[in-house]
Amino acid sequence: MLKIEEPTLSMNFMVNDSPFAGQA
């Protein structure tokens, strides 16, 4: 098997809920 390195960083991707959401 080919070894695939594990991730080192994570981020939360969220639905944009700002007052300007959906304008662009």
PDBML (XML) file of the C-alpha atoms, coordinates in Angstrom:
<?xml version="1.0" encoding="UTF-8" ?>
<PDBx:datablock datablockName="MODEL"
   xmlns:PDBx="http://pdbml.pdb.org/schema/pdbx-v50.xsd"
   xmlns:xsi="http://www.w3.org/2001/XMLSchema-instance"
   xsi:schemaLocation="http://pdbml.pdb.org/schema/pdbx-v50.xsd pdbx-v50.xsd">
   <PDBx:atom_siteCategory>
      <PDBx:atom_site id="1">
         <PDBx:B_iso_or_equiv>0.00</PDBx:B_iso_or_equiv>
         <PDBx:Cartn_x>0.000</PDBx:Cartn_x>
         <PDBx:Cartn_y>0.000</PDBx:Cartn_y>
         <PDBx:Cartn_z>0.000</PDBx:Cartn_z>
         <PDBx:auth_asym_id>A</PDBx:auth_asym_id>
         <PDBx:auth_atom_id>CA</PDBx:auth_atom_id>
         <PDBx:auth_comp_id>MET</PDBx:auth_comp_id>
         <PDBx:auth_seq_id>1</PDBx:auth_seq_id>
         <PDBx:group_PDB>ATOM</PDBx:group_PDB>
         <PDBx:label_alt_id xsi:nil="true" />
         <PDBx:label_asym_id>A</PDBx:label_asym_id>
         <PDBx:label_atom_id>CA</PDBx:label_atom_id>
         <PDBx:label_comp_id>MET</PDBx:label_comp_id>
         <PDBx:label_entity_id>1</PDBx:label_entity_id>
         <PDBx:label_seq_id>1</PDBx:label_seq_id>
         <PDBx:occupancy>1.00</PDBx:occupancy>
         <PDBx:pdbx_PDB_model_num>1</PDBx:pdbx_PDB_model_num>
         <PDBx:type_symbol>C</PDBx:type_symbol>
      </PDBx:atom_site>
      <PDBx:atom_site id="2">
         <PDBx:B_iso_or_equiv>0.00</PDBx:B_iso_or_equiv>
         <PDBx:Cartn_x>0.997</PDBx:Cartn_x>
         <PDBx:Cartn_y>3.614</PDBx:Cartn_y>
         <PDBx:Cartn_z>-0.606</PDBx:Cartn_z>
         <PDBx:auth_asym_id>A</PDBx:auth_asym_id>
         <PDBx:auth_atom_id>CA</PDBx:auth_atom_id>
         <PDBx:auth_comp_id>LEU</PDBx:auth_comp_id>
         <PDBx:auth_seq_id>2</PDBx:auth_seq_id>
         <PDBx:group_PDB>ATOM</PDBx:group_PDB>
         <PDBx:label_alt_id xsi:nil="true" />
         <PDBx:label_asym_id>A</PDBx:label_asym_id>
         <PDBx:label_atom_id>CA</PDBx:label_atom_id>
         <PDBx:label_comp_id>LEU</PDBx:label_comp_id>
         <PDBx:label_entity_id>1</PDBx:label_entity_id>
         <PDBx:label_seq_id>2</PDBx:label_seq_id>
         <PDBx:occupancy>1.00</PDBx:occupancy>
         <PDBx:pdbx_PDB_model_num>1</PDBx:pdbx_PDB_model_num>
         <PDBx:type_symbol>C</PDBx:type_symbol>
      </PDBx:atom_site>
      <PDBx:atom_site id="3">
         <PDBx:B_iso_or_equiv>0.00</PDBx:B_iso_or_equiv>
         <PDBx:Cartn_x>1.301</PDBx:Cartn_x>
         <PDBx:Cartn_y>5.604</PDBx:Cartn_y>
         <PDBx:Cartn_z>2.606</PDBx:Cartn_z>
         <PDBx:auth_asym_id>A</PDBx:auth_asym_id>
         <PDBx:auth_atom_id>CA</PDBx:auth_atom_id>
         <PDBx:auth_comp_id>LYS</PDBx:auth_comp_id>
         <PDBx:auth_seq_id>3</PDBx:auth_seq_id>
         <PDBx:group_PDB>ATOM</PDBx:group_PDB>
         <PDBx:label_alt_id xsi:nil="true" />
         <PDBx:label_asym_id>A</PDBx:label_asym_id>
         <PDBx:label_atom_id>CA</PDBx:label_atom_id>
         <PDBx:label_comp_id>LYS</PDBx:label_comp_id>
         <PDBx:label_entity_id>1</PDBx:label_entity_id>
         <PDBx:label_seq_id>3</PDBx:label_seq_id>
         <PDBx:occupancy>1.00</PDBx:occupancy>
         <PDBx:pdbx_PDB_model_num>1</PDBx:pdbx_PDB_model_num>
         <PDBx:type_symbol>C</PDBx:type_symbol>
      </PDBx:atom_site>
      <PDBx:atom_site id="4">
         <PDBx:B_iso_or_equiv>0.00</PDBx:B_iso_or_equiv>
         <PDBx:Cartn_x>-0.535</PDBx:Cartn_x>
         <PDBx:Cartn_y>8.924</PDBx:Cartn_y>
         <PDBx:Cartn_z>2.627</PDBx:Cartn_z>
         <PDBx:auth_asym_id>A</PDBx:auth_asym_id>
         <PDBx:auth_atom_id>CA</PDBx:auth_atom_id>
         <PDBx:auth_comp_id>ILE</PDBx:auth_comp_id>
         <PDBx:auth_seq_id>4</PDBx:auth_seq_id>
         <PDBx:group_PDB>ATOM</PDBx:group_PDB>
         <PDBx:label_alt_id xsi:nil="true" />
         <PDBx:label_asym_id>A</PDBx:label_asym_id>
         <PDBx:label_atom_id>CA</PDBx:label_atom_id>
         <PDBx:label_comp_id>ILE</PDBx:label_comp_id>
         <PDBx:label_entity_id>1</PDBx:label_entity_id>
         <PDBx:label_seq_id>4</PDBx:label_seq_id>
         <PDBx:occupancy>1.00</PDBx:occupancy>
         <PDBx:pdbx_PDB_model_num>1</PDBx:pdbx_PDB_model_num>
         <PDBx:type_symbol>C</PDBx:type_symbol>
      </PDBx:atom_site>
      <PDBx:atom_site id="5">
         <PDBx:B_iso_or_equiv>0.00</PDBx:B_iso_or_equiv>
         <PDBx:Cartn_x>0.630</PDBx:Cartn_x>
         <PDBx:Cartn_y>11.437</PDBx:Cartn_y>
         <PDBx:Cartn_z>5.230</PDBx:Cartn_z>
         <PDBx:auth_asym_id>A</PDBx:auth_asym_id>
         <PDBx:auth_atom_id>CA</PDBx:auth_atom_id>
         <PDBx:auth_comp_id>GLU</PDBx:auth_comp_id>
         <PDBx:auth_seq_id>5</PDBx:auth_seq_id>
         <PDBx:group_PDB>ATOM</PDBx:group_PDB>
         <PDBx:label_alt_id xsi:nil="true" />
         <PDBx:label_asym_id>A</PDBx:label_asym_id>
         <PDBx:label_atom_id>CA</PDBx:label_atom_id>
         <PDBx:label_comp_id>GLU</PDBx:label_comp_id>
         <PDBx:label_entity_id>1</PDBx:label_entity_id>
         <PDBx:label_seq_id>5</PDBx:label_seq_id>
         <PDBx:occupancy>1.00</PDBx:occupancy>
         <PDBx:pdbx_PDB_model_num>1</PDBx:pdbx_PDB_model_num>
         <PDBx:type_symbol>C</PDBx:type_symbol>
      </PDBx:atom_site>
      <PDBx:atom_site id="6">
         <PDBx:B_iso_or_equiv>0.00</PDBx:B_iso_or_equiv>
         <PDBx:Cartn_x>-1.939</PDBx:Cartn_x>
         <PDBx:Cartn_y>12.518</PDBx:Cartn_y>
         <PDBx:Cartn_z>7.781</PDBx:Cartn_z>
         <PDBx:auth_asym_id>A</PDBx:auth_asym_id>
         <PDBx:auth_atom_id>CA</PDBx:auth_atom_id>
         <PDBx:auth_comp_id>GLU</PDBx:auth_comp_id>
         <PDBx:auth_seq_id>6</PDBx:auth_seq_id>
         <PDBx:group_PDB>ATOM</PDBx:group_PDB>
         <PDBx:label_alt_id xsi:nil="true" />
         <PDBx:label_asym_id>A</PDBx:label_asym_id>
         <PDBx:label_atom_id>CA</PDBx:label_atom_id>
         <PDBx:label_comp_id>GLU</PDBx:label_comp_id>
         <PDBx:label_entity_id>1</PDBx:label_entity_id>
         <PDBx:label_seq_id>6</PDBx:label_seq_id>
         <PDBx:occupancy>1.00</PDBx:occupancy>
         <PDBx:pdbx_PDB_model_num>1</PDBx:pdbx_PDB_model_num>
         <PDBx:type_symbol>C</PDBx:type_symbol>
      </PDBx:atom_site>
      <PDBx:atom_site id="7">
         <PDBx:B_iso_or_equiv>0.00</PDBx:B_iso_or_equiv>
         <PDBx:Cartn_x>-3.267</PDBx:Cartn_x>
         <PDBx:Cartn_y>16.110</PDBx:Cartn_y>
         <PDBx:Cartn_z>7.862</PDBx:Cartn_z>
         <PDBx:auth_asym_id>A</PDBx:auth_asym_id>
         <PDBx:auth_atom_id>CA</PDBx:auth_atom_id>
         <PDBx:auth_comp_id>PRO</PDBx:auth_comp_id>
         <PDBx:auth_seq_id>7</PDBx:auth_seq_id>
         <PDBx:group_PDB>ATOM</PDBx:group_PDB>
         <PDBx:label_alt_id xsi:nil="true" />
         <PDBx:label_asym_id>A</PDBx:label_asym_id>
         <PDBx:label_atom_id>CA</PDBx:label_atom_id>
         <PDBx:label_comp_id>PRO</PDBx:label_comp_id>
         <PDBx:label_entity_id>1</PDBx:label_entity_id>
         <PDBx:label_seq_id>7</PDBx:label_seq_id>
         <PDBx:occupancy>1.00</PDBx:occupancy>
         <PDBx:pdbx_PDB_model_num>1</PDBx:pdbx_PDB_model_num>
         <PDBx:type_symbol>C</PDBx:type_symbol>
      </PDBx:atom_site>
      <PDBx:atom_site id="8">
         <PDBx:B_iso_or_equiv>0.00</PDBx:B_iso_or_equiv>
         <PDBx:Cartn_x>-1.673</PDBx:Cartn_x>
         <PDBx:Cartn_y>18.529</PDBx:Cartn_y>
         <PDBx:Cartn_z>10.341</PDBx:Cartn_z>
         <PDBx:auth_asym_id>A</PDBx:auth_asym_id>
         <PDBx:auth_atom_id>CA</PDBx:auth_atom_id>
         <PDBx:auth_comp_id>THR</PDBx:auth_comp_id>
         <PDBx:auth_seq_id>8</PDBx:auth_seq_id>
         <PDBx:group_PDB>ATOM</PDBx:group_PDB>
         <PDBx:label_alt_id xsi:nil="true" />
         <PDBx:label_asym_id>A</PDBx:label_asym_id>
         <PDBx:label_atom_id>CA</PDBx:label_atom_id>
         <PDBx:label_comp_id>THR</PDBx:label_comp_id>
         <PDBx:label_entity_id>1</PDBx:label_entity_id>
         <PDBx:label_seq_id>8</PDBx:label_seq_id>
         <PDBx:occupancy>1.00</PDBx:occupancy>
         <PDBx:pdbx_PDB_model_num>1</PDBx:pdbx_PDB_model_num>
         <PDBx:type_symbol>C</PDBx:type_symbol>
      </PDBx:atom_site>
      <PDBx:atom_site id="9">
         <PDBx:B_iso_or_equiv>0.00</PDBx:B_iso_or_equiv>
         <PDBx:Cartn_x>-4.143</PDBx:Cartn_x>
         <PDBx:Cartn_y>21.452</PDBx:Cartn_y>
         <PDBx:Cartn_z>10.292</PDBx:Cartn_z>
         <PDBx:auth_asym_id>A</PDBx:auth_asym_id>
         <PDBx:auth_atom_id>CA</PDBx:auth_atom_id>
         <PDBx:auth_comp_id>LEU</PDBx:auth_comp_id>
         <PDBx:auth_seq_id>9</PDBx:auth_seq_id>
         <PDBx:group_PDB>ATOM</PDBx:group_PDB>
         <PDBx:label_alt_id xsi:nil="true" />
         <PDBx:label_asym_id>A</PDBx:label_asym_id>
         <PDBx:label_atom_id>CA</PDBx:label_atom_id>
         <PDBx:label_comp_id>LEU</PDBx:label_comp_id>
         <PDBx:label_entity_id>1</PDBx:label_entity_id>
         <PDBx:label_seq_id>9</PDBx:label_seq_id>
         <PDBx:occupancy>1.00</PDBx:occupancy>
         <PDBx:pdbx_PDB_model_num>1</PDBx:pdbx_PDB_model_num>
         <PDBx:type_symbol>C</PDBx:type_symbol>
      </PDBx:atom_site>
      <PDBx:atom_site id="10">
         <PDBx:B_iso_or_equiv>0.00</PDBx:B_iso_or_equiv>
         <PDBx:Cartn_x>-7.927</PDBx:Cartn_x>
         <PDBx:Cartn_y>21.748</PDBx:Cartn_y>
         <PDBx:Cartn_z>10.413</PDBx:Cartn_z>
         <PDBx:auth_asym_id>A</PDBx:auth_asym_id>
         <PDBx:auth_atom_id>CA</PDBx:auth_atom_id>
         <PDBx:auth_comp_id>SER</PDBx:auth_comp_id>
         <PDBx:auth_seq_id>10</PDBx:auth_seq_id>
         <PDBx:group_PDB>ATOM</PDBx:group_PDB>
         <PDBx:label_alt_id xsi:nil="true" />
         <PDBx:label_asym_id>A</PDBx:label_asym_id>
         <PDBx:label_atom_id>CA</PDBx:label_atom_id>
         <PDBx:label_comp_id>SER</PDBx:label_comp_id>
         <PDBx:label_entity_id>1</PDBx:label_entity_id>
         <PDBx:label_seq_id>10</PDBx:label_seq_id>
         <PDBx:occupancy>1.00</PDBx:occupancy>
         <PDBx:pdbx_PDB_model_num>1</PDBx:pdbx_PDB_model_num>
         <PDBx:type_symbol>C</PDBx:type_symbol>
      </PDBx:atom_site>
      <PDBx:atom_site id="11">
         <PDBx:B_iso_or_equiv>0.00</PDBx:B_iso_or_equiv>
         <PDBx:Cartn_x>-10.395</PDBx:Cartn_x>
         <PDBx:Cartn_y>24.571</PDBx:Cartn_y>
         <PDBx:Cartn_z>9.830</PDBx:Cartn_z>
         <PDBx:auth_asym_id>A</PDBx:auth_asym_id>
         <PDBx:auth_atom_id>CA</PDBx:auth_atom_id>
         <PDBx:auth_comp_id>MET</PDBx:auth_comp_id>
         <PDBx:auth_seq_id>11</PDBx:auth_seq_id>
         <PDBx:group_PDB>ATOM</PDBx:group_PDB>
         <PDBx:label_alt_id xsi:nil="true" />
         <PDBx:label_asym_id>A</PDBx:label_asym_id>
         <PDBx:label_atom_id>CA</PDBx:label_atom_id>
         <PDBx:label_comp_id>MET</PDBx:label_comp_id>
         <PDBx:label_entity_id>1</PDBx:label_entity_id>
         <PDBx:label_seq_id>11</PDBx:label_seq_id>
         <PDBx:occupancy>1.00</PDBx:occupancy>
         <PDBx:pdbx_PDB_model_num>1</PDBx:pdbx_PDB_model_num>
         <PDBx:type_symbol>C</PDBx:type_symbol>
      </PDBx:atom_site>
      <PDBx:atom_site id="12">
         <PDBx:B_iso_or_equiv>0.00</PDBx:B_iso_or_equiv>
         <PDBx:Cartn_x>-14.147</PDBx:Cartn_x>
         <PDBx:Cartn_y>24.874</PDBx:Cartn_y>
         <PDBx:Cartn_z>10.133</PDBx:Cartn_z>
         <PDBx:auth_asym_id>A</PDBx:auth_asym_id>
         <PDBx:auth_atom_id>CA</PDBx:auth_atom_id>
         <PDBx:auth_comp_id>ASN</PDBx:auth_comp_id>
         <PDBx:auth_seq_id>12</PDBx:auth_seq_id>
         <PDBx:group_PDB>ATOM</PDBx:group_PDB>
         <PDBx:label_alt_id xsi:nil="true" />
         <PDBx:label_asym_id>A</PDBx:label_asym_id>
         <PDBx:label_atom_id>CA</PDBx:label_atom_id>
         <PDBx:label_comp_id>ASN</PDBx:label_comp_id>
         <PDBx:label_entity_id>1</PDBx:label_entity_id>
         <PDBx:label_seq_id>12</PDBx:label_seq_id>
         <PDBx:occupancy>1.00</PDBx:occupancy>
         <PDBx:pdbx_PDB_model_num>1</PDBx:pdbx_PDB_model_num>
         <PDBx:type_symbol>C</PDBx:type_symbol>
      </PDBx:atom_site>
      <PDBx:atom_site id="13">
         <PDBx:B_iso_or_equiv>0.00</PDBx:B_iso_or_equiv>
         <PDBx:Cartn_x>-15.920</PDBx:Cartn_x>
         <PDBx:Cartn_y>25.660</PDBx:Cartn_y>
         <PDBx:Cartn_z>6.839</PDBx:Cartn_z>
         <PDBx:auth_asym_id>A</PDBx:auth_asym_id>
         <PDBx:auth_atom_id>CA</PDBx:auth_atom_id>
         <PDBx:auth_comp_id>PHE</PDBx:auth_comp_id>
         <PDBx:auth_seq_id>13</PDBx:auth_seq_id>
         <PDBx:group_PDB>ATOM</PDBx:group_PDB>
         <PDBx:label_alt_id xsi:nil="true" />
         <PDBx:label_asym_id>A</PDBx:label_asym_id>
         <PDBx:label_atom_id>CA</PDBx:label_atom_id>
         <PDBx:label_comp_id>PHE</PDBx:label_comp_id>
         <PDBx:label_entity_id>1</PDBx:label_entity_id>
         <PDBx:label_seq_id>13</PDBx:label_seq_id>
         <PDBx:occupancy>1.00</PDBx:occupancy>
         <PDBx:pdbx_PDB_model_num>1</PDBx:pdbx_PDB_model_num>
         <PDBx:type_symbol>C</PDBx:type_symbol>
      </PDBx:atom_site>
      <PDBx:atom_site id="14">
         <PDBx:B_iso_or_equiv>0.00</PDBx:B_iso_or_equiv>
         <PDBx:Cartn_x>-19.279</PDBx:Cartn_x>
         <PDBx:Cartn_y>27.287</PDBx:Cartn_y>
         <PDBx:Cartn_z>7.603</PDBx:Cartn_z>
         <PDBx:auth_asym_id>A</PDBx:auth_asym_id>
         <PDBx:auth_atom_id>CA</PDBx:auth_atom_id>
         <PDBx:auth_comp_id>MET</PDBx:auth_comp_id>
         <PDBx:auth_seq_id>14</PDBx:auth_seq_id>
         <PDBx:group_PDB>ATOM</PDBx:group_PDB>
         <PDBx:label_alt_id xsi:nil="true" />
         <PDBx:label_asym_id>A</PDBx:label_asym_id>
         <PDBx:label_atom_id>CA</PDBx:label_atom_id>
         <PDBx:label_comp_id>MET</PDBx:label_comp_id>
         <PDBx:label_entity_id>1</PDBx:label_entity_id>
         <PDBx:label_seq_id>14</PDBx:label_seq_id>
         <PDBx:occupancy>1.00</PDBx:occupancy>
         <PDBx:pdbx_PDB_model_num>1</PDBx:pdbx_PDB_model_num>
         <PDBx:type_symbol>C</PDBx:type_symbol>
      </PDBx:atom_site>
      <PDBx:atom_site id="15">
         <PDBx:B_iso_or_equiv>0.00</PDBx:B_iso_or_equiv>
         <PDBx:Cartn_x>-22.303</PDBx:Cartn_x>
         <PDBx:Cartn_y>28.633</PDBx:Cartn_y>
         <PDBx:Cartn_z>5.805</PDBx:Cartn_z>
         <PDBx:auth_asym_id>A</PDBx:auth_asym_id>
         <PDBx:auth_atom_id>CA</PDBx:auth_atom_id>
         <PDBx:auth_comp_id>VAL</PDBx:auth_comp_id>
         <PDBx:auth_seq_id>15</PDBx:auth_seq_id>
         <PDBx:group_PDB>ATOM</PDBx:group_PDB>
         <PDBx:label_alt_id xsi:nil="true" />
         <PDBx:label_asym_id>A</PDBx:label_asym_id>
         <PDBx:label_atom_id>CA</PDBx:label_atom_id>
         <PDBx:label_comp_id>VAL</PDBx:label_comp_id>
         <PDBx:label_entity_id>1</PDBx:label_entity_id>
         <PDBx:label_seq_id>15</PDBx:label_seq_id>
         <PDBx:occupancy>1.00</PDBx:occupancy>
         <PDBx:pdbx_PDB_model_num>1</PDBx:pdbx_PDB_model_num>
         <PDBx:type_symbol>C</PDBx:type_symbol>
      </PDBx:atom_site>
      <PDBx:atom_site id="16">
         <PDBx:B_iso_or_equiv>0.00</PDBx:B_iso_or_equiv>
         <PDBx:Cartn_x>-21.882</PDBx:Cartn_x>
         <PDBx:Cartn_y>32.410</PDBx:Cartn_y>
         <PDBx:Cartn_z>5.550</PDBx:Cartn_z>
         <PDBx:auth_asym_id>A</PDBx:auth_asym_id>
         <PDBx:auth_atom_id>CA</PDBx:auth_atom_id>
         <PDBx:auth_comp_id>ASN</PDBx:auth_comp_id>
         <PDBx:auth_seq_id>16</PDBx:auth_seq_id>
         <PDBx:group_PDB>ATOM</PDBx:group_PDB>
         <PDBx:label_alt_id xsi:nil="true" />
         <PDBx:label_asym_id>A</PDBx:label_asym_id>
         <PDBx:label_atom_id>CA</PDBx:label_atom_id>
         <PDBx:label_comp_id>ASN</PDBx:label_comp_id>
         <PDBx:label_entity_id>1</PDBx:label_entity_id>
         <PDBx:label_seq_id>16</PDBx:label_seq_id>
         <PDBx:occupancy>1.00</PDBx:occupancy>
         <PDBx:pdbx_PDB_model_num>1</PDBx:pdbx_PDB_model_num>
         <PDBx:type_symbol>C</PDBx:type_symbol>
      </PDBx:atom_site>
      <PDBx:atom_site id="17">
         <PDBx:B_iso_or_equiv>0.00</PDBx:B_iso_or_equiv>
         <PDBx:Cartn_x>-24.426</PDBx:Cartn_x>
         <PDBx:Cartn_y>34.018</PDBx:Cartn_y>
         <PDBx:Cartn_z>7.900</PDBx:Cartn_z>
         <PDBx:auth_asym_id>A</PDBx:auth_asym_id>
         <PDBx:auth_atom_id>CA</PDBx:auth_atom_id>
         <PDBx:auth_comp_id>ASP</PDBx:auth_comp_id>
         <PDBx:auth_seq_id>17</PDBx:auth_seq_id>
         <PDBx:group_PDB>ATOM</PDBx:group_PDB>
         <PDBx:label_alt_id xsi:nil="true" />
         <PDBx:label_asym_id>A</PDBx:label_asym_id>
         <PDBx:label_atom_id>CA</PDBx:label_atom_id>
         <PDBx:label_comp_id>ASP</PDBx:label_comp_id>
         <PDBx:label_entity_id>1</PDBx:label_entity_id>
         <PDBx:label_seq_id>17</PDBx:label_seq_id>
         <PDBx:occupancy>1.00</PDBx:occupancy>
         <PDBx:pdbx_PDB_model_num>1</PDBx:pdbx_PDB_model_num>
         <PDBx:type_symbol>C</PDBx:type_symbol>
      </PDBx:atom_site>
      <PDBx:atom_site id="18">
         <PDBx:B_iso_or_equiv>0.00</PDBx:B_iso_or_equiv>
         <PDBx:Cartn_x>-23.227</PDBx:Cartn_x>
         <PDBx:Cartn_y>37.623</PDBx:Cartn_y>
         <PDBx:Cartn_z>7.805</PDBx:Cartn_z>
         <PDBx:auth_asym_id>A</PDBx:auth_asym_id>
         <PDBx:auth_atom_id>CA</PDBx:auth_atom_id>
         <PDBx:auth_comp_id>SER</PDBx:auth_comp_id>
         <PDBx:auth_seq_id>18</PDBx:auth_seq_id>
         <PDBx:group_PDB>ATOM</PDBx:group_PDB>
         <PDBx:label_alt_id xsi:nil="true" />
         <PDBx:label_asym_id>A</PDBx:label_asym_id>
         <PDBx:label_atom_id>CA</PDBx:label_atom_id>
         <PDBx:label_comp_id>SER</PDBx:label_comp_id>
         <PDBx:label_entity_id>1</PDBx:label_entity_id>
         <PDBx:label_seq_id>18</PDBx:label_seq_id>
         <PDBx:occupancy>1.00</PDBx:occupancy>
         <PDBx:pdbx_PDB_model_num>1</PDBx:pdbx_PDB_model_num>
         <PDBx:type_symbol>C</PDBx:type_symbol>
      </PDBx:atom_site>
      <PDBx:atom_site id="19">
         <PDBx:B_iso_or_equiv>0.00</PDBx:B_iso_or_equiv>
         <PDBx:Cartn_x>-25.633</PDBx:Cartn_x>
         <PDBx:Cartn_y>40.508</PDBx:Cartn_y>
         <PDBx:Cartn_z>7.003</PDBx:Cartn_z>
         <PDBx:auth_asym_id>A</PDBx:auth_asym_id>
         <PDBx:auth_atom_id>CA</PDBx:auth_atom_id>
         <PDBx:auth_comp_id>PRO</PDBx:auth_comp_id>
         <PDBx:auth_seq_id>19</PDBx:auth_seq_id>
         <PDBx:group_PDB>ATOM</PDBx:group_PDB>
         <PDBx:label_alt_id xsi:nil="true" />
         <PDBx:label_asym_id>A</PDBx:label_asym_id>
         <PDBx:label_atom_id>CA</PDBx:label_atom_id>
         <PDBx:label_comp_id>PRO</PDBx:label_comp_id>
         <PDBx:label_entity_id>1</PDBx:label_entity_id>
         <PDBx:label_seq_id>19</PDBx:label_seq_id>
         <PDBx:occupancy>1.00</PDBx:occupancy>
         <PDBx:pdbx_PDB_model_num>1</PDBx:pdbx_PDB_model_num>
         <PDBx:type_symbol>C</PDBx:type_symbol>
      </PDBx:atom_site>
      <PDBx:atom_site id="20">
         <PDBx:B_iso_or_equiv>0.00</PDBx:B_iso_or_equiv>
         <PDBx:Cartn_x>-24.190</PDBx:Cartn_x>
         <PDBx:Cartn_y>40.557</PDBx:Cartn_y>
         <PDBx:Cartn_z>3.460</PDBx:Cartn_z>
         <PDBx:auth_asym_id>A</PDBx:auth_asym_id>
         <PDBx:auth_atom_id>CA</PDBx:auth_atom_id>
         <PDBx:auth_comp_id>PHE</PDBx:auth_comp_id>
         <PDBx:auth_seq_id>20</PDBx:auth_seq_id>
         <PDBx:group_PDB>ATOM</PDBx:group_PDB>
         <PDBx:label_alt_id xsi:nil="true" />
         <PDBx:label_asym_id>A</PDBx:label_asym_id>
         <PDBx:label_atom_id>CA</PDBx:label_atom_id>
         <PDBx:label_comp_id>PHE</PDBx:label_comp_id>
         <PDBx:label_entity_id>1</PDBx:label_entity_id>
         <PDBx:label_seq_id>20</PDBx:label_seq_id>
         <PDBx:occupancy>1.00</PDBx:occupancy>
         <PDBx:pdbx_PDB_model_num>1</PDBx:pdbx_PDB_model_num>
         <PDBx:type_symbol>C</PDBx:type_symbol>
      </PDBx:atom_site>
      <PDBx:atom_site id="21">
         <PDBx:B_iso_or_equiv>0.00</PDBx:B_iso_or_equiv>
         <PDBx:Cartn_x>-24.655</PDBx:Cartn_x>
         <PDBx:Cartn_y>36.799</PDBx:Cartn_y>
         <PDBx:Cartn_z>2.887</PDBx:Cartn_z>
         <PDBx:auth_asym_id>A</PDBx:auth_asym_id>
         <PDBx:auth_atom_id>CA</PDBx:auth_atom_id>
         <PDBx:auth_comp_id>ALA</PDBx:auth_comp_id>
         <PDBx:auth_seq_id>21</PDBx:auth_seq_id>
         <PDBx:group_PDB>ATOM</PDBx:group_PDB>
         <PDBx:label_alt_id xsi:nil="true" />
         <PDBx:label_asym_id>A</PDBx:label_asym_id>
         <PDBx:label_atom_id>CA</PDBx:label_atom_id>
         <PDBx:label_comp_id>ALA</PDBx:label_comp_id>
         <PDBx:label_entity_id>1</PDBx:label_entity_id>
         <PDBx:label_seq_id>21</PDBx:label_seq_id>
         <PDBx:occupancy>1.00</PDBx:occupancy>
         <PDBx:pdbx_PDB_model_num>1</PDBx:pdbx_PDB_model_num>
         <PDBx:type_symbol>C</PDBx:type_symbol>
      </PDBx:atom_site>
      <PDBx:atom_site id="22">
         <PDBx:B_iso_or_equiv>0.00</PDBx:B_iso_or_equiv>
         <PDBx:Cartn_x>-25.984</PDBx:Cartn_x>
         <PDBx:Cartn_y>35.791</PDBx:Cartn_y>
         <PDBx:Cartn_z>-0.529</PDBx:Cartn_z>
         <PDBx:auth_asym_id>A</PDBx:auth_asym_id>
         <PDBx:auth_atom_id>CA</PDBx:auth_atom_id>
         <PDBx:auth_comp_id>GLY</PDBx:auth_comp_id>
         <PDBx:auth_seq_id>22</PDBx:auth_seq_id>
         <PDBx:group_PDB>ATOM</PDBx:group_PDB>
         <PDBx:label_alt_id xsi:nil="true" />
         <PDBx:label_asym_id>A</PDBx:label_asym_id>
         <PDBx:label_atom_id>CA</PDBx:label_atom_id>
         <PDBx:label_comp_id>GLY</PDBx:label_comp_id>
         <PDBx:label_entity_id>1</PDBx:label_entity_id>
         <PDBx:label_seq_id>22</PDBx:label_seq_id>
         <PDBx:occupancy>1.00</PDBx:occupancy>
         <PDBx:pdbx_PDB_model_num>1</PDBx:pdbx_PDB_model_num>
         <PDBx:type_symbol>C</PDBx:type_symbol>
      </PDBx:atom_site>
      <PDBx:atom_site id="23">
         <PDBx:B_iso_or_equiv>0.00</PDBx:B_iso_or_equiv>
         <PDBx:Cartn_x>-25.229</PDBx:Cartn_x>
         <PDBx:Cartn_y>39.102</PDBx:Cartn_y>
         <PDBx:Cartn_z>-2.250</PDBx:Cartn_z>
         <PDBx:auth_asym_id>A</PDBx:auth_asym_id>
         <PDBx:auth_atom_id>CA</PDBx:auth_atom_id>
         <PDBx:auth_comp_id>GLN</PDBx:auth_comp_id>
         <PDBx:auth_seq_id>23</PDBx:auth_seq_id>
         <PDBx:group_PDB>ATOM</PDBx:group_PDB>
         <PDBx:label_alt_id xsi:nil="true" />
         <PDBx:label_asym_id>A</PDBx:label_asym_id>
         <PDBx:label_atom_id>CA</PDBx:label_atom_id>
         <PDBx:label_comp_id>GLN</PDBx:label_comp_id>
         <PDBx:label_entity_id>1</PDBx:label_entity_id>
         <PDBx:label_seq_id>23</PDBx:label_seq_id>
         <PDBx:occupancy>1.00</PDBx:occupancy>
         <PDBx:pdbx_PDB_model_num>1</PDBx:pdbx_PDB_model_num>
         <PDBx:type_symbol>C</PDBx:type_symbol>
      </PDBx:atom_site>
      <PDBx:atom_site id="24">
         <PDBx:B_iso_or_equiv>0.00</PDBx:B_iso_or_equiv>
         <PDBx:Cartn_x>-22.330</PDBx:Cartn_x>
         <PDBx:Cartn_y>37.863</PDBx:Cartn_y>
         <PDBx:Cartn_z>-4.383</PDBx:Cartn_z>
         <PDBx:auth_asym_id>A</PDBx:auth_asym_id>
         <PDBx:auth_atom_id>CA</PDBx:auth_atom_id>
         <PDBx:auth_comp_id>ALA</PDBx:auth_comp_id>
         <PDBx:auth_seq_id>24</PDBx:auth_seq_id>
         <PDBx:group_PDB>ATOM</PDBx:group_PDB>
         <PDBx:label_alt_id xsi:nil="true" />
         <PDBx:label_asym_id>A</PDBx:label_asym_id>
         <PDBx:label_atom_id>CA</PDBx:label_atom_id>
         <PDBx:label_comp_id>ALA</PDBx:label_comp_id>
         <PDBx:label_entity_id>1</PDBx:label_entity_id>
         <PDBx:label_seq_id>24</PDBx:label_seq_id>
         <PDBx:occupancy>1.00</PDBx:occupancy>
         <PDBx:pdbx_PDB_model_num>1</PDBx:pdbx_PDB_model_num>
         <PDBx:type_symbol>C</PDBx:type_symbol>
      </PDBx:atom_site>
   </PDBx:atom_siteCategory>
</PDBx:datablock>
